[in-house]
Protein backbone atom coordinates (compact mmCIF):
# COMPACT_ATOMS: atom_id res chain seq x y z
CA MET A 1 32.04 -69.07 5.56
CA ASP A 2 32.29 -66.01 3.33
CA HIS A 3 29.03 -65.30 1.55
CA GLY A 4 29.56 -61.78 0.27
CA THR A 5 27.14 -60.50 2.89
CA GLY A 6 28.25 -56.91 2.47
CA GLN A 7 26.06 -56.59 -0.62
CA ASP A 8 22.34 -56.04 -0.89
CA ALA A 9 20.19 -58.47 -2.86
CA GLU A 10 19.94 -56.19 -5.90
CA SER A 11 23.71 -56.00 -6.27
CA VAL A 12 24.01 -59.77 -6.06
CA THR A 13 21.54 -60.79 -8.73
CA GLY A 14 21.59 -60.07 -12.42
CA GLY A 15 18.38 -62.01 -13.06
CA GLY A 16 20.06 -64.55 -15.35
CA GLU A 17 21.13 -68.15 -14.99
CA LEU A 18 23.46 -68.79 -12.08
CA LEU A 19 27.11 -69.45 -12.95
CA ALA A 20 29.09 -71.16 -10.19
CA VAL A 21 32.82 -70.51 -10.62
CA LEU A 22 34.33 -73.44 -8.73
CA GLY A 23 37.95 -72.55 -8.16
CA VAL A 24 37.96 -68.82 -8.81
CA GLY A 25 41.34 -67.14 -9.04
CA PRO A 26 42.67 -63.88 -10.47
CA GLY A 27 43.13 -65.31 -13.98
CA LEU A 28 40.73 -67.55 -15.86
CA GLY A 29 38.18 -67.92 -13.03
CA MET A 30 37.72 -64.16 -12.73
CA SER A 31 37.72 -63.87 -16.51
CA MET A 32 34.78 -66.31 -16.61
CA ALA A 33 33.01 -64.34 -13.89
CA GLU A 34 33.51 -61.02 -15.69
CA ARG A 35 32.37 -62.38 -19.04
CA PHE A 36 29.27 -64.17 -17.77
CA GLY A 37 28.42 -61.39 -15.30
CA ALA A 38 28.51 -58.86 -18.14
CA GLU A 39 25.98 -61.05 -19.96
CA GLY A 40 23.61 -60.86 -16.97
CA HIS A 41 24.36 -64.15 -15.26
CA ASP A 42 24.20 -64.35 -11.48
CA LEU A 43 27.54 -65.37 -9.96
CA ALA A 44 28.67 -67.65 -7.14
CA LEU A 45 32.45 -67.55 -6.72
CA VAL A 46 34.15 -70.36 -4.78
CA SER A 47 37.78 -70.62 -3.72
CA ARG A 48 39.69 -72.38 -0.95
CA SER A 49 40.31 -69.17 0.94
CA ALA A 50 38.13 -66.11 1.47
CA ALA A 51 41.20 -63.85 1.56
CA ARG A 52 40.80 -62.57 -2.02
CA HIS A 53 37.00 -62.48 -2.05
CA PRO A 54 36.66 -58.77 -1.21
CA SER A 55 38.95 -57.86 -4.12
CA TYR A 56 37.05 -60.18 -6.49
CA ARG A 57 33.70 -58.64 -5.51
CA ALA A 58 35.15 -55.12 -5.83
CA ARG A 59 36.61 -55.90 -9.27
CA LEU A 60 33.23 -57.15 -10.46
CA ALA A 61 31.33 -54.29 -8.79
CA GLU A 62 33.47 -51.78 -10.73
CA ARG A 63 31.84 -53.27 -13.85
CA GLY A 64 28.37 -53.21 -12.33
CA ILE A 65 28.41 -56.97 -11.68
CA GLY A 66 27.20 -58.41 -8.39
CA SER A 67 28.38 -61.70 -6.93
CA ARG A 68 28.40 -63.85 -3.84
CA THR A 69 31.51 -65.59 -2.61
CA TYR A 70 32.02 -68.86 -0.75
CA ALA A 71 35.06 -70.56 0.77
CA ALA A 72 35.47 -74.29 0.08
CA ASP A 73 37.96 -76.78 -1.28
CA VAL A 74 36.06 -77.97 -4.36
CA ASN A 75 38.59 -80.79 -4.81
CA ASP A 76 37.18 -82.35 -1.63
CA PRO A 77 33.87 -84.16 -2.34
CA GLU A 78 32.33 -83.34 1.06
CA ASP A 79 33.30 -79.67 0.86
CA LEU A 80 32.02 -79.50 -2.74
CA HIS A 81 28.67 -80.98 -1.66
CA ARG A 82 28.43 -78.55 1.27
CA VAL A 83 29.20 -75.42 -0.74
CA LEU A 84 26.85 -76.35 -3.59
CA ALA A 85 24.07 -76.87 -1.05
CA GLU A 86 24.83 -73.40 0.37
CA ILE A 87 24.83 -71.87 -3.11
CA ARG A 88 21.51 -73.50 -4.03
CA ALA A 89 19.93 -72.37 -0.77
CA ALA A 90 21.14 -68.77 -1.19
CA GLN A 91 20.96 -68.31 -4.96
CA GLY A 92 18.87 -71.10 -6.48
CA PRO A 93 19.78 -73.78 -9.01
CA VAL A 94 23.12 -73.72 -10.79
CA GLY A 95 22.55 -73.13 -14.51
CA ALA A 96 26.21 -73.28 -15.50
CA ALA A 97 29.42 -74.14 -13.69
CA TRP A 98 33.08 -73.59 -14.42
CA PHE A 99 35.43 -75.99 -12.65
CA GLY A 100 39.10 -75.10 -12.71
CA PRO A 101 40.69 -74.99 -9.28
CA ALA A 102 44.42 -75.01 -8.84
CA SER A 103 45.52 -78.42 -7.70
CA THR A 104 46.89 -78.78 -4.20
CA GLU A 105 48.26 -82.23 -4.95
CA GLY A 106 51.27 -83.32 -6.91
CA PRO A 107 54.28 -81.30 -7.96
CA ALA A 108 54.22 -77.66 -8.91
CA ILE A 109 53.93 -76.70 -12.55
CA VAL A 110 57.17 -77.61 -14.32
CA PRO A 111 58.28 -76.10 -17.63
CA LEU A 112 57.63 -78.69 -20.34
CA PRO A 113 61.28 -79.07 -21.43
CA ASP A 114 62.18 -79.96 -17.82
CA ALA A 115 59.25 -82.31 -17.19
CA GLY A 116 59.48 -86.08 -17.11
CA PRO A 117 56.50 -88.43 -17.43
CA GLU A 118 55.54 -88.31 -13.75
CA ALA A 119 55.74 -84.49 -13.65
CA LEU A 120 53.22 -84.46 -16.51
CA LEU A 121 50.89 -87.18 -15.20
CA ALA A 122 50.60 -86.19 -11.52
CA PRO A 123 48.86 -82.83 -12.14
CA VAL A 124 46.55 -84.43 -14.71
CA ARG A 125 45.46 -87.09 -12.21
CA ALA A 126 44.92 -84.42 -9.56
CA LEU A 127 42.81 -82.32 -11.96
CA LEU A 128 40.71 -85.24 -13.23
CA ALA A 129 39.95 -86.96 -9.92
CA PRO A 130 37.36 -84.38 -8.74
CA LEU A 131 35.45 -84.24 -12.05
CA PRO A 132 33.07 -87.16 -11.39
CA HIS A 133 32.04 -85.50 -8.11
CA VAL A 134 31.26 -82.22 -9.90
CA VAL A 135 29.21 -84.04 -12.53
CA ARG A 136 27.37 -86.12 -9.90
CA GLU A 137 26.51 -82.96 -7.92
CA LEU A 138 25.32 -80.78 -10.81
CA VAL A 139 24.10 -82.84 -13.76
CA PRO A 140 20.98 -84.46 -12.20
CA ASP A 141 19.47 -81.05 -11.44
CA MET A 142 20.45 -79.73 -14.88
CA VAL A 143 18.83 -82.73 -16.58
CA ALA A 144 15.68 -82.31 -14.48
CA ARG A 145 15.52 -78.62 -15.49
CA GLY A 146 16.20 -79.46 -19.14
CA ARG A 147 19.25 -77.22 -19.43
CA GLY A 148 22.70 -76.60 -18.01
CA THR A 149 26.33 -76.19 -18.96
CA LEU A 150 29.58 -77.44 -17.44
CA PHE A 151 32.98 -75.96 -18.27
CA PHE A 152 36.23 -77.61 -17.20
CA GLY A 153 39.38 -75.50 -17.29
CA VAL A 154 42.95 -76.54 -16.68
CA GLY A 155 46.35 -75.00 -16.29
CA GLY A 156 46.40 -72.31 -18.97
CA SER A 157 46.77 -69.55 -16.42
CA GLY A 158 48.59 -71.63 -13.83
CA LEU A 159 51.83 -69.71 -14.19
CA VAL A 160 50.67 -66.44 -15.75
CA PRO A 161 47.10 -65.25 -15.11
CA THR A 162 45.23 -64.47 -18.33
CA PRO A 163 42.46 -61.98 -17.56
CA ARG A 164 39.60 -61.61 -20.01
CA SER A 165 40.30 -64.93 -21.70
CA ALA A 166 36.97 -66.61 -20.98
CA PRO A 167 34.86 -68.11 -23.74
CA SER A 168 31.58 -66.55 -24.73
CA PRO A 169 28.61 -67.59 -22.61
CA PRO A 170 26.19 -70.07 -24.11
CA PRO A 171 23.00 -68.68 -25.64
CA ARG A 172 20.50 -67.61 -23.01
CA PRO A 173 19.06 -69.75 -21.62
CA PRO A 174 21.72 -72.45 -21.87
CA ARG A 175 20.38 -75.43 -23.78
CA ALA A 176 23.36 -77.77 -23.67
CA CYS A 177 23.93 -80.14 -20.82
CA THR A 178 27.30 -81.80 -20.67
CA TYR A 179 27.44 -85.11 -18.84
């Protein structure tokens, strides 16, 4: 697995709450990483393939933001469990998580005027099915710690990546726990 091992510990930690970006890509996922990293959050970036990880780490490093990267299919409950265990062991508890992987199931994104009911429902089902697993993995620890934040993103940058479109981070330390 890819763990961003080319970086020293100081470049990996910002000393803030850990944000796990589950389903990082060049659009919204990296936008979340850049925004939260700039606010001092530690980052764990997860995507199905490690192929883009060096470019993601380099893009963040240009802004003085360290990160660690992991390869896993977060839509698969066993792979999600495994990678979160690796993240916790390497970086500590997850204080916030963004979940927005591209779906590997169902049809490709179809322009709305061309979409029938099934073309609209299949991607929604594929995006919603993993959510209970994410909540089950992260919320108990967040509740025990008395803080945590979950973000769920869908489709906005599925066709056209939208860099720097992430919401503002929650106040430090995060006080809201979504479950």
